[in-house]
Amino acid sequence: MDVFKFNLILRQCERDNQAFETLFDFYYPRIKLHIHKKFPDACADDVAQEFFLQLMKSHGFKYVQNPTAWVFACCDNIAKRMLIGESATLPLLVSENYSVSEDLVETEILNDQAKRVFDALGDDCTKKIFYLYYWEGYNLREIAQLLSLNISTIKQRHARGIKKIKNLL
């Protein structure tokens, strides 16, 4: 779907069910395929449905220059939130009769270690850099633009953060 057509349909979604169905028919299978490849543990159907639910609730979109990239980025964030939510609630589901697998215990240990390492980074700016770089997938130049900082500052803070982590481990 070309950019102009996507933006036209996106604006019409608020008042026209046919426009919404057009986007749904075009992007739903693509979203499922993308999420299934990128996040095998996430339920691709749930992510796609959540995206379209949020799309229905949202109003006043600005012009989207890269529609497919925008849709996939939104869905990636939804999948991450779903996976984080599942991992946060999973220990609450464990009962006395349920035998906890070694994988679950290992994952919990790794999550705790990752939180400690992340906390050891120090200032919030370095934490933001690491979050955007390693979790959101931004490159250092994009992070510099997002945080309105010089690229050399971002590179230096990233290098210092790596050094702190190496010393910690």
C-alpha atoms as a PDB file:
ATOM      1  CA  MET A   1       0.000   0.000   0.000  1.00  0.00           C
ATOM      2  CA  ASP A   2       1.471   3.348  -0.967  1.00  0.00           C
ATOM      3  CA  VAL A   3       2.001   6.173   1.523  1.00  0.00           C
ATOM      4  CA  PHE A   4      -0.678   8.495   0.182  1.00  0.00           C
ATOM      5  CA  LYS A   5      -3.361   5.797   0.111  1.00  0.00           C
ATOM      6  CA  PHE A   6      -2.438   4.615   3.624  1.00  0.00           C
ATOM      7  CA  ASN A   7      -2.716   8.112   5.109  1.00  0.00           C
ATOM      8  CA  LEU A   8      -5.996   8.760   3.321  1.00  0.00           C
ATOM      9  CA  ILE A   9      -7.474   5.502   4.611  1.00  0.00           C
ATOM     10  CA  LEU A  10      -6.068   6.130   8.099  1.00  0.00           C
ATOM     11  CA  ARG A  11      -7.893   9.465   8.310  1.00  0.00           C
ATOM     12  CA  GLN A  12     -11.130   7.872   7.087  1.00  0.00           C
ATOM     13  CA  CYS A  13     -10.992   5.032   9.643  1.00  0.00           C
ATOM     14  CA  GLU A  14     -12.636   7.213  12.302  1.00  0.00           C
ATOM     15  CA  ARG A  15     -15.897   7.481  10.392  1.00  0.00           C
ATOM     16  CA  ASP A  16     -15.806   4.759   7.732  1.00  0.00           C
ATOM     17  CA  ASN A  17     -15.876   1.046   8.578  1.00  0.00           C
ATOM     18  CA  GLN A  18     -14.915   0.140   5.014  1.00  0.00           C
ATOM     19  CA  ALA A  19     -11.662   2.102   5.367  1.00  0.00           C
ATOM     20  CA  PHE A  20     -10.905   0.285   8.605  1.00  0.00           C
ATOM     21  CA  GLU A  21     -11.622  -3.074   6.953  1.00  0.00           C
ATOM     22  CA  THR A  22      -9.269  -2.173   4.101  1.00  0.00           C
ATOM     23  CA  LEU A  23      -6.410  -1.554   6.541  1.00  0.00           C
ATOM     24  CA  PHE A  24      -7.330  -4.653   8.516  1.00  0.00           C
ATOM     25  CA  ASP A  25      -7.403  -6.907   5.445  1.00  0.00           C
ATOM     26  CA  PHE A  26      -4.110  -5.536   4.180  1.00  0.00           C
ATOM     27  CA  TYR A  27      -2.089  -5.448   7.421  1.00  0.00           C
ATOM     28  CA  TYR A  28      -3.509  -8.216   9.636  1.00  0.00           C
ATOM     29  CA  PRO A  29      -1.734 -11.117   7.873  1.00  0.00           C
ATOM     30  CA  ARG A  30       1.457  -9.071   7.550  1.00  0.00           C
ATOM     31  CA  ILE A  31       1.429  -8.213  11.260  1.00  0.00           C
ATOM     32  CA  LYS A  32       0.907 -11.854  12.202  1.00  0.00           C
ATOM     33  CA  LEU A  33       3.815 -12.962  10.022  1.00  0.00           C
ATOM     34  CA  HIS A  34       6.095 -10.178  11.302  1.00  0.00           C
ATOM     35  CA  ILE A  35       5.343 -10.836  14.980  1.00  0.00           C
ATOM     36  CA  HIS A  36       5.616 -14.598  14.570  1.00  0.00           C
ATOM     37  CA  LYS A  37       9.113 -14.184  13.078  1.00  0.00           C
ATOM     38  CA  LYS A  38      10.366 -11.488  15.464  1.00  0.00           C
ATOM     39  CA  PHE A  39       8.690 -12.617  18.711  1.00  0.00           C
ATOM     40  CA  PRO A  40       7.998 -16.363  18.521  1.00  0.00           C
ATOM     41  CA  ASP A  41       6.822 -16.408  22.154  1.00  0.00           C
ATOM     42  CA  ALA A  42       4.195 -13.711  21.588  1.00  0.00           C
ATOM     43  CA  CYS A  43       0.733 -14.534  20.309  1.00  0.00           C
ATOM     44  CA  ALA A  44       0.682 -12.865  16.896  1.00  0.00           C
ATOM     45  CA  ASP A  45      -3.130 -12.864  16.738  1.00  0.00           C
ATOM     46  CA  ASP A  46      -3.374 -11.033  20.063  1.00  0.00           C
ATOM     47  CA  VAL A  47      -0.802  -8.446  18.975  1.00  0.00           C
ATOM     48  CA  ALA A  48      -2.573  -7.797  15.671  1.00  0.00           C
ATOM     49  CA  GLN A  49      -5.958  -7.514  17.379  1.00  0.00           C
ATOM     50  CA  GLU A  50      -4.565  -5.165  20.021  1.00  0.00           C
ATOM     51  CA  PHE A  51      -3.020  -2.974  17.308  1.00  0.00           C
ATOM     52  CA  PHE A  52      -6.339  -2.606  15.496  1.00  0.00           C
ATOM     53  CA  LEU A  53      -8.186  -2.047  18.764  1.00  0.00           C
ATOM     54  CA  GLN A  54      -5.806   0.802  19.617  1.00  0.00           C
ATOM     55  CA  LEU A  55      -6.127   2.115  16.069  1.00  0.00           C
ATOM     56  CA  MET A  56      -9.914   2.306  16.484  1.00  0.00           C
ATOM     57  CA  LYS A  57      -9.569   4.194  19.771  1.00  0.00           C
ATOM     58  CA  SER A  58      -6.967   6.668  18.489  1.00  0.00           C
ATOM     59  CA  HIS A  59      -7.824   9.859  16.646  1.00  0.00           C
ATOM     60  CA  GLY A  60      -5.985  12.620  14.823  1.00  0.00           C
ATOM     61  CA  PHE A  61      -3.015  10.802  13.345  1.00  0.00           C
ATOM     62  CA  LYS A  62      -0.279  12.851  11.769  1.00  0.00           C
ATOM     63  CA  TYR A  63       1.024  11.999   8.330  1.00  0.00           C
ATOM     64  CA  VAL A  64       2.853   8.649   8.425  1.00  0.00           C
ATOM     65  CA  GLN A  65       5.847   8.612   6.074  1.00  0.00           C
ATOM     66  CA  ASN A  66       6.615   4.881   6.299  1.00  0.00           C
ATOM     67  CA  PRO A  67       3.311   3.099   6.949  1.00  0.00           C
ATOM     68  CA  THR A  68       4.564  -0.483   7.123  1.00  0.00           C
ATOM     69  CA  ALA A  69       7.492   0.451   9.359  1.00  0.00           C
ATOM     70  CA  TRP A  70       5.120   2.442  11.590  1.00  0.00           C
ATOM     71  CA  VAL A  71       2.626  -0.427  11.847  1.00  0.00           C
ATOM     72  CA  PHE A  72       5.390  -2.942  12.605  1.00  0.00           C
ATOM     73  CA  ALA A  73       7.005  -0.637  15.201  1.00  0.00           C
ATOM     74  CA  CYS A  74       3.642  -0.218  16.960  1.00  0.00           C
ATOM     75  CA  CYS A  75       3.119  -3.977  16.915  1.00  0.00           C
ATOM     76  CA  ASP A  76       6.660  -4.631  18.172  1.00  0.00           C
ATOM     77  CA  ASN A  77       5.960  -2.384  21.149  1.00  0.00           C
ATOM     78  CA  ILE A  78       2.644  -4.121  21.822  1.00  0.00           C
ATOM     79  CA  ALA A  79       4.350  -7.533  21.684  1.00  0.00           C
ATOM     80  CA  LYS A  80       7.093  -6.366  24.059  1.00  0.00           C
ATOM     81  CA  ARG A  81       4.511  -5.029  26.502  1.00  0.00           C
ATOM     82  CA  MET A  82       2.601  -8.297  26.316  1.00  0.00           C
ATOM     83  CA  LEU A  83       5.741 -10.354  26.898  1.00  0.00           C
ATOM     84  CA  ILE A  84       6.816  -8.145  29.798  1.00  0.00           C
ATOM     85  CA  GLY A  85       3.321  -8.389  31.280  1.00  0.00           C
ATOM     86  CA  GLU A  86       3.331 -12.173  30.982  1.00  0.00           C
ATOM     87  CA  SER A  87       6.740 -12.519  32.596  1.00  0.00           C
ATOM     88  CA  ALA A  88       5.708 -10.175  35.411  1.00  0.00           C
ATOM     89  CA  THR A  89       2.575 -12.174  36.213  1.00  0.00           C
ATOM     90  CA  LEU A  90       3.964 -15.657  35.604  1.00  0.00           C
ATOM     91  CA  PRO A  91       5.380 -16.220  39.116  1.00  0.00           C
ATOM     92  CA  LEU A  92       1.945 -15.422  40.566  1.00  0.00           C
ATOM     93  CA  LEU A  93       0.445 -18.318  38.634  1.00  0.00           C
ATOM     94  CA  VAL A  94       2.751 -20.897  40.194  1.00  0.00           C
ATOM     95  CA  SER A  95       0.925 -22.947  42.809  1.00  0.00           C
ATOM     96  CA  GLU A  96       2.262 -25.455  45.318  1.00  0.00           C
ATOM     97  CA  ASN A  97       1.304 -28.369  43.089  1.00  0.00           C
ATOM     98  CA  TYR A  98       2.947 -26.895  40.011  1.00  0.00           C
ATOM     99  CA  SER A  99       6.530 -27.967  39.416  1.00  0.00           C
ATOM    100  CA  VAL A 100       8.619 -25.013  38.319  1.00  0.00           C
ATOM    101  CA  SER A 101      10.808 -25.839  35.359  1.00  0.00           C
ATOM    102  CA  GLU A 102      14.498 -25.066  35.321  1.00  0.00           C
ATOM    103  CA  ASP A 103      13.956 -22.722  32.384  1.00  0.00           C
ATOM    104  CA  LEU A 104      11.576 -20.552  34.391  1.00  0.00           C
ATOM    105  CA  VAL A 105      13.978 -20.348  37.314  1.00  0.00           C
ATOM    106  CA  GLU A 106      16.878 -19.589  34.977  1.00  0.00           C
ATOM    107  CA  THR A 107      14.852 -16.859  33.259  1.00  0.00           C
ATOM    108  CA  GLU A 108      13.973 -15.266  36.595  1.00  0.00           C
ATOM    109  CA  ILE A 109      17.633 -15.314  37.666  1.00  0.00           C
ATOM    110  CA  LEU A 110      18.698 -13.746  34.373  1.00  0.00           C
ATOM    111  CA  ASN A 111      15.997 -11.072  34.691  1.00  0.00           C
ATOM    112  CA  ASP A 112      17.198 -10.203  38.204  1.00  0.00           C
ATOM    113  CA  GLN A 113      20.801 -10.025  37.022  1.00  0.00           C
ATOM    114  CA  ALA A 114      19.817  -7.868  34.060  1.00  0.00           C
ATOM    115  CA  LYS A 115      17.958  -5.471  36.383  1.00  0.00           C
ATOM    116  CA  ARG A 116      20.995  -5.212  38.658  1.00  0.00           C
ATOM    117  CA  VAL A 117      23.284  -4.530  35.701  1.00  0.00           C
ATOM    118  CA  PHE A 118      20.862  -1.953  34.325  1.00  0.00           C
ATOM    119  CA  ASP A 119      20.656  -0.225  37.713  1.00  0.00           C
ATOM    120  CA  ALA A 120      24.457  -0.166  37.905  1.00  0.00           C
ATOM    121  CA  LEU A 121      24.624   1.997  34.781  1.00  0.00           C
ATOM    122  CA  GLY A 122      24.075   5.003  36.984  1.00  0.00           C
ATOM    123  CA  ASP A 123      22.488   8.093  35.489  1.00  0.00           C
ATOM    124  CA  ASP A 124      19.132   8.075  33.720  1.00  0.00           C
ATOM    125  CA  CYS A 125      20.589   9.279  30.425  1.00  0.00           C
ATOM    126  CA  THR A 126      22.849   6.229  30.114  1.00  0.00           C
ATOM    127  CA  LYS A 127      19.930   3.979  31.048  1.00  0.00           C
ATOM    128  CA  LYS A 128      17.829   5.607  28.314  1.00  0.00           C
ATOM    129  CA  ILE A 129      20.635   5.069  25.805  1.00  0.00           C
ATOM    130  CA  PHE A 130      20.926   1.387  26.678  1.00  0.00           C
ATOM    131  CA  TYR A 131      17.162   0.906  26.656  1.00  0.00           C
ATOM    132  CA  LEU A 132      16.750   2.572  23.268  1.00  0.00           C
ATOM    133  CA  TYR A 133      19.768   0.787  21.789  1.00  0.00           C
ATOM    134  CA  TYR A 134      19.316  -2.757  23.070  1.00  0.00           C
ATOM    135  CA  TRP A 135      15.576  -3.004  23.647  1.00  0.00           C
ATOM    136  CA  GLU A 136      13.973  -0.647  21.117  1.00  0.00           C
ATOM    137  CA  GLY A 137      16.591  -1.255  18.415  1.00  0.00           C
ATOM    138  CA  TYR A 138      17.572   2.350  17.690  1.00  0.00           C
ATOM    139  CA  ASN A 139      21.075   3.085  16.449  1.00  0.00           C
ATOM    140  CA  LEU A 140      23.293   5.609  18.241  1.00  0.00           C
ATOM    141  CA  ARG A 141      22.653   8.371  15.693  1.00  0.00           C
ATOM    142  CA  GLU A 142      18.871   8.009  16.112  1.00  0.00           C
ATOM    143  CA  ILE A 143      19.260   8.045  19.899  1.00  0.00           C
ATOM    144  CA  ALA A 144      21.264  11.265  19.648  1.00  0.00           C
ATOM    145  CA  GLN A 145      18.422  12.851  17.697  1.00  0.00           C
ATOM    146  CA  LEU A 146      15.766  11.554  20.103  1.00  0.00           C
ATOM    147  CA  LEU A 147      17.589  12.800  23.187  1.00  0.00           C
ATOM    148  CA  SER A 148      18.798  16.020  21.506  1.00  0.00           C
ATOM    149  CA  LEU A 149      22.406  15.229  22.328  1.00  0.00           C
ATOM    150  CA  ASN A 150      25.595  15.175  20.289  1.00  0.00           C
ATOM    151  CA  ILE A 151      26.392  11.793  18.708  1.00  0.00           C
ATOM    152  CA  SER A 152      29.835  11.805  20.340  1.00  0.00           C
ATOM    153  CA  THR A 153      28.195  12.215  23.763  1.00  0.00           C
ATOM    154  CA  ILE A 154      25.949   9.230  23.073  1.00  0.00           C
ATOM    155  CA  LYS A 155      28.902   7.112  21.908  1.00  0.00           C
ATOM    156  CA  GLN A 156      30.929   8.094  24.966  1.00  0.00           C
ATOM    157  CA  ARG A 157      28.119   7.305  27.428  1.00  0.00           C
ATOM    158  CA  HIS A 158      27.459   4.005  25.659  1.00  0.00           C
ATOM    159  CA  ALA A 159      31.152   3.067  25.869  1.00  0.00           C
ATOM    160  CA  ARG A 160      31.280   4.033  29.552  1.00  0.00           C
ATOM    161  CA  GLY A 161      28.172   1.958  30.207  1.00  0.00           C
ATOM    162  CA  ILE A 162      29.741  -1.062  28.499  1.00  0.00           C
ATOM    163  CA  LYS A 163      32.852  -0.565  30.621  1.00  0.00           C
ATOM    164  CA  LYS A 164      30.756  -0.428  33.827  1.00  0.00           C
ATOM    165  CA  ILE A 165      28.980  -3.627  32.855  1.00  0.00           C
ATOM    166  CA  LYS A 166      32.253  -5.411  32.081  1.00  0.00           C
ATOM    167  CA  ASN A 167      33.678  -4.358  35.444  1.00  0.00           C
ATOM    168  CA  LEU A 168      30.508  -5.493  37.191  1.00  0.00           C
ATOM    169  CA  LEU A 169      30.580  -8.926  35.584  1.00  0.00           C
END
